Amino acid sequence: MAFKTLKTRHDAISLDALGKDIAARRAVAGTIDVPRNAGTRRTPAKRALLAQISKTGGSW
């Protein structure tokens, strides 16, 4: 046990159980469409980086 003085109200869950819980919640919520950032406040360095990525055919 990493923290001998830590007191919690809940038992620890496994990563497998956590994954199943997340999958079930996503199934109930359905597809959520999150709009992309408009990019109106990008720094010049970020704009240059994205331009170079586009030139190489990449898509960030």
N, C-alpha and C. Protein backbone atom coordinates (compact mmCIF):
# COMPACT_ATOMS: atom_id res chain seq x y z
N MET A 1 0.84 -1.17 0.00
CA MET A 1 0.00 0.00 0.00
C MET A 1 0.89 1.23 0.00
N ALA A 2 0.61 2.15 -0.91
CA ALA A 2 1.46 3.31 -1.07
C ALA A 2 1.27 4.33 0.06
N PHE A 3 0.03 4.55 0.46
CA PHE A 3 -0.25 5.54 1.49
C PHE A 3 -0.86 4.83 2.70
N LYS A 4 -0.10 4.71 3.74
CA LYS A 4 -0.59 4.00 4.92
C LYS A 4 -1.61 4.82 5.70
N THR A 5 -1.59 6.13 5.54
CA THR A 5 -2.51 6.97 6.30
C THR A 5 -3.74 7.39 5.49
N LEU A 6 -3.80 6.97 4.21
CA LEU A 6 -4.92 7.36 3.36
C LEU A 6 -6.18 6.58 3.74
N LYS A 7 -7.24 7.29 4.00
CA LYS A 7 -8.51 6.67 4.33
C LYS A 7 -9.52 7.04 3.25
N THR A 8 -10.09 6.06 2.58
CA THR A 8 -11.08 6.31 1.55
C THR A 8 -12.39 5.63 1.91
N ARG A 9 -13.46 6.11 1.31
CA ARG A 9 -14.77 5.53 1.56
C ARG A 9 -15.08 4.40 0.58
N HIS A 10 -14.32 4.32 -0.51
CA HIS A 10 -14.59 3.34 -1.55
C HIS A 10 -13.42 2.39 -1.70
N ASP A 11 -13.73 1.16 -2.11
CA ASP A 11 -12.68 0.20 -2.41
C ASP A 11 -12.09 0.53 -3.77
N ALA A 12 -10.86 0.15 -3.98
CA ALA A 12 -10.20 0.36 -5.27
C ALA A 12 -10.85 -0.54 -6.31
N ILE A 13 -10.90 -0.06 -7.56
CA ILE A 13 -11.44 -0.87 -8.65
C ILE A 13 -10.33 -1.17 -9.63
N SER A 14 -10.49 -2.25 -10.38
CA SER A 14 -9.46 -2.63 -11.36
C SER A 14 -9.62 -1.79 -12.62
N LEU A 15 -8.58 -1.75 -13.42
CA LEU A 15 -8.65 -1.02 -14.68
C LEU A 15 -9.66 -1.66 -15.62
N ASP A 16 -9.80 -2.98 -15.54
CA ASP A 16 -10.79 -3.67 -16.36
C ASP A 16 -12.20 -3.23 -16.00
N ALA A 17 -12.48 -3.14 -14.71
CA ALA A 17 -13.80 -2.69 -14.27
C ALA A 17 -14.03 -1.23 -14.65
N LEU A 18 -13.00 -0.42 -14.54
CA LEU A 18 -13.12 0.99 -14.93
C LEU A 18 -13.42 1.11 -16.42
N GLY A 19 -12.73 0.34 -17.24
CA GLY A 19 -12.96 0.36 -18.68
C GLY A 19 -14.38 -0.05 -19.03
N LYS A 20 -14.90 -1.06 -18.37
CA LYS A 20 -16.27 -1.50 -18.62
C LYS A 20 -17.27 -0.43 -18.19
N ASP A 21 -17.00 0.23 -17.09
CA ASP A 21 -17.88 1.29 -16.62
C ASP A 21 -17.90 2.47 -17.60
N ILE A 22 -16.74 2.84 -18.09
CA ILE A 22 -16.65 3.95 -19.05
C ILE A 22 -17.37 3.57 -20.35
N ALA A 23 -17.18 2.34 -20.82
CA ALA A 23 -17.85 1.89 -22.05
C ALA A 23 -19.36 1.93 -21.89
N ALA A 24 -19.86 1.52 -20.73
CA ALA A 24 -21.30 1.54 -20.48
C ALA A 24 -21.83 2.98 -20.46
N ARG A 25 -21.09 3.89 -19.84
CA ARG A 25 -21.52 5.28 -19.79
C ARG A 25 -21.53 5.91 -21.19
N ARG A 26 -20.53 5.57 -22.00
CA ARG A 26 -20.48 6.09 -23.37
C ARG A 26 -21.64 5.55 -24.20
N ALA A 27 -22.01 4.29 -23.97
CA ALA A 27 -23.13 3.70 -24.71
C ALA A 27 -24.43 4.42 -24.35
N VAL A 28 -24.60 4.78 -23.10
CA VAL A 28 -25.81 5.48 -22.67
C VAL A 28 -25.83 6.90 -23.22
N ALA A 29 -24.69 7.58 -23.19
CA ALA A 29 -24.62 8.97 -23.63
C ALA A 29 -24.72 9.11 -25.14
N GLY A 30 -24.32 8.10 -25.88
CA GLY A 30 -24.35 8.19 -27.33
C GLY A 30 -23.16 8.98 -27.85
N THR A 31 -23.21 9.31 -29.13
CA THR A 31 -22.13 10.05 -29.75
C THR A 31 -22.24 11.53 -29.39
N ILE A 32 -21.15 12.07 -28.90
CA ILE A 32 -21.11 13.48 -28.52
C ILE A 32 -20.22 14.20 -29.52
N ASP A 33 -20.77 15.19 -30.21
CA ASP A 33 -20.02 15.94 -31.20
C ASP A 33 -19.46 17.20 -30.54
N VAL A 34 -18.15 17.22 -30.36
CA VAL A 34 -17.49 18.38 -29.75
C VAL A 34 -16.92 19.24 -30.87
N PRO A 35 -17.30 20.50 -30.95
CA PRO A 35 -16.79 21.35 -32.03
C PRO A 35 -15.29 21.60 -31.88
N ARG A 36 -14.61 21.72 -33.00
CA ARG A 36 -13.18 21.99 -32.98
C ARG A 36 -12.92 23.42 -32.58
N ASN A 37 -11.74 23.66 -32.09
CA ASN A 37 -11.31 25.00 -31.71
C ASN A 37 -11.17 25.85 -32.98
N ALA A 38 -11.70 27.06 -32.95
CA ALA A 38 -11.64 27.94 -34.12
C ALA A 38 -10.22 28.40 -34.42
N GLY A 39 -9.35 28.43 -33.42
CA GLY A 39 -7.95 28.80 -33.62
C GLY A 39 -7.72 30.29 -33.81
N THR A 40 -8.58 31.11 -33.29
CA THR A 40 -8.43 32.55 -33.49
C THR A 40 -7.37 33.17 -32.58
N ARG A 41 -6.91 32.46 -31.57
CA ARG A 41 -5.93 33.03 -30.64
C ARG A 41 -4.60 32.29 -30.67
N ARG A 42 -4.21 31.76 -31.81
CA ARG A 42 -2.96 31.01 -31.92
C ARG A 42 -1.78 31.94 -32.00
N THR A 43 -0.67 31.50 -31.43
CA THR A 43 0.56 32.28 -31.50
C THR A 43 1.18 32.12 -32.89
N PRO A 44 2.05 33.04 -33.27
CA PRO A 44 2.73 32.90 -34.58
C PRO A 44 3.51 31.58 -34.69
N ALA A 45 4.10 31.14 -33.60
CA ALA A 45 4.85 29.88 -33.63
C ALA A 45 3.91 28.70 -33.91
N LYS A 46 2.74 28.71 -33.30
CA LYS A 46 1.78 27.64 -33.52
C LYS A 46 1.27 27.67 -34.96
N ARG A 47 1.03 28.86 -35.48
CA ARG A 47 0.58 28.99 -36.88
C ARG A 47 1.64 28.44 -37.83
N ALA A 48 2.90 28.74 -37.57
CA ALA A 48 3.99 28.26 -38.42
C ALA A 48 4.10 26.74 -38.33
N LEU A 49 3.96 26.20 -37.15
CA LEU A 49 4.01 24.75 -36.97
C LEU A 49 2.89 24.07 -37.74
N LEU A 50 1.68 24.58 -37.63
CA LEU A 50 0.56 23.99 -38.34
C LEU A 50 0.71 24.12 -39.85
N ALA A 51 1.31 25.22 -40.31
CA ALA A 51 1.56 25.39 -41.74
C ALA A 51 2.54 24.34 -42.25
N GLN A 52 3.59 24.07 -41.48
CA GLN A 52 4.57 23.05 -41.87
C GLN A 52 3.94 21.66 -41.87
N ILE A 53 3.08 21.39 -40.93
CA ILE A 53 2.39 20.10 -40.88
C ILE A 53 1.52 19.94 -42.11
N SER A 54 0.82 21.01 -42.50
CA SER A 54 -0.04 20.96 -43.69
C SER A 54 0.78 20.76 -44.96
N LYS A 55 1.95 21.38 -45.03
CA LYS A 55 2.81 21.25 -46.22
C LYS A 55 3.26 19.80 -46.42
N THR A 56 3.49 19.09 -45.34
CA THR A 56 3.94 17.70 -45.45
C THR A 56 2.78 16.74 -45.68
N GLY A 57 1.57 17.28 -45.71
CA GLY A 57 0.41 16.43 -45.96
C GLY A 57 -0.22 15.90 -44.69
N GLY A 58 0.26 16.35 -43.56
CA GLY A 58 -0.27 15.88 -42.29
C GLY A 58 -1.55 16.61 -41.89
N SER A 59 -2.26 16.00 -41.00
CA SER A 59 -3.47 16.60 -40.48
C SER A 59 -3.43 16.46 -38.97
N TRP A 60 -3.40 17.56 -38.28
CA TRP A 60 -3.32 17.50 -36.83
C TRP A 60 -4.69 17.30 -36.28
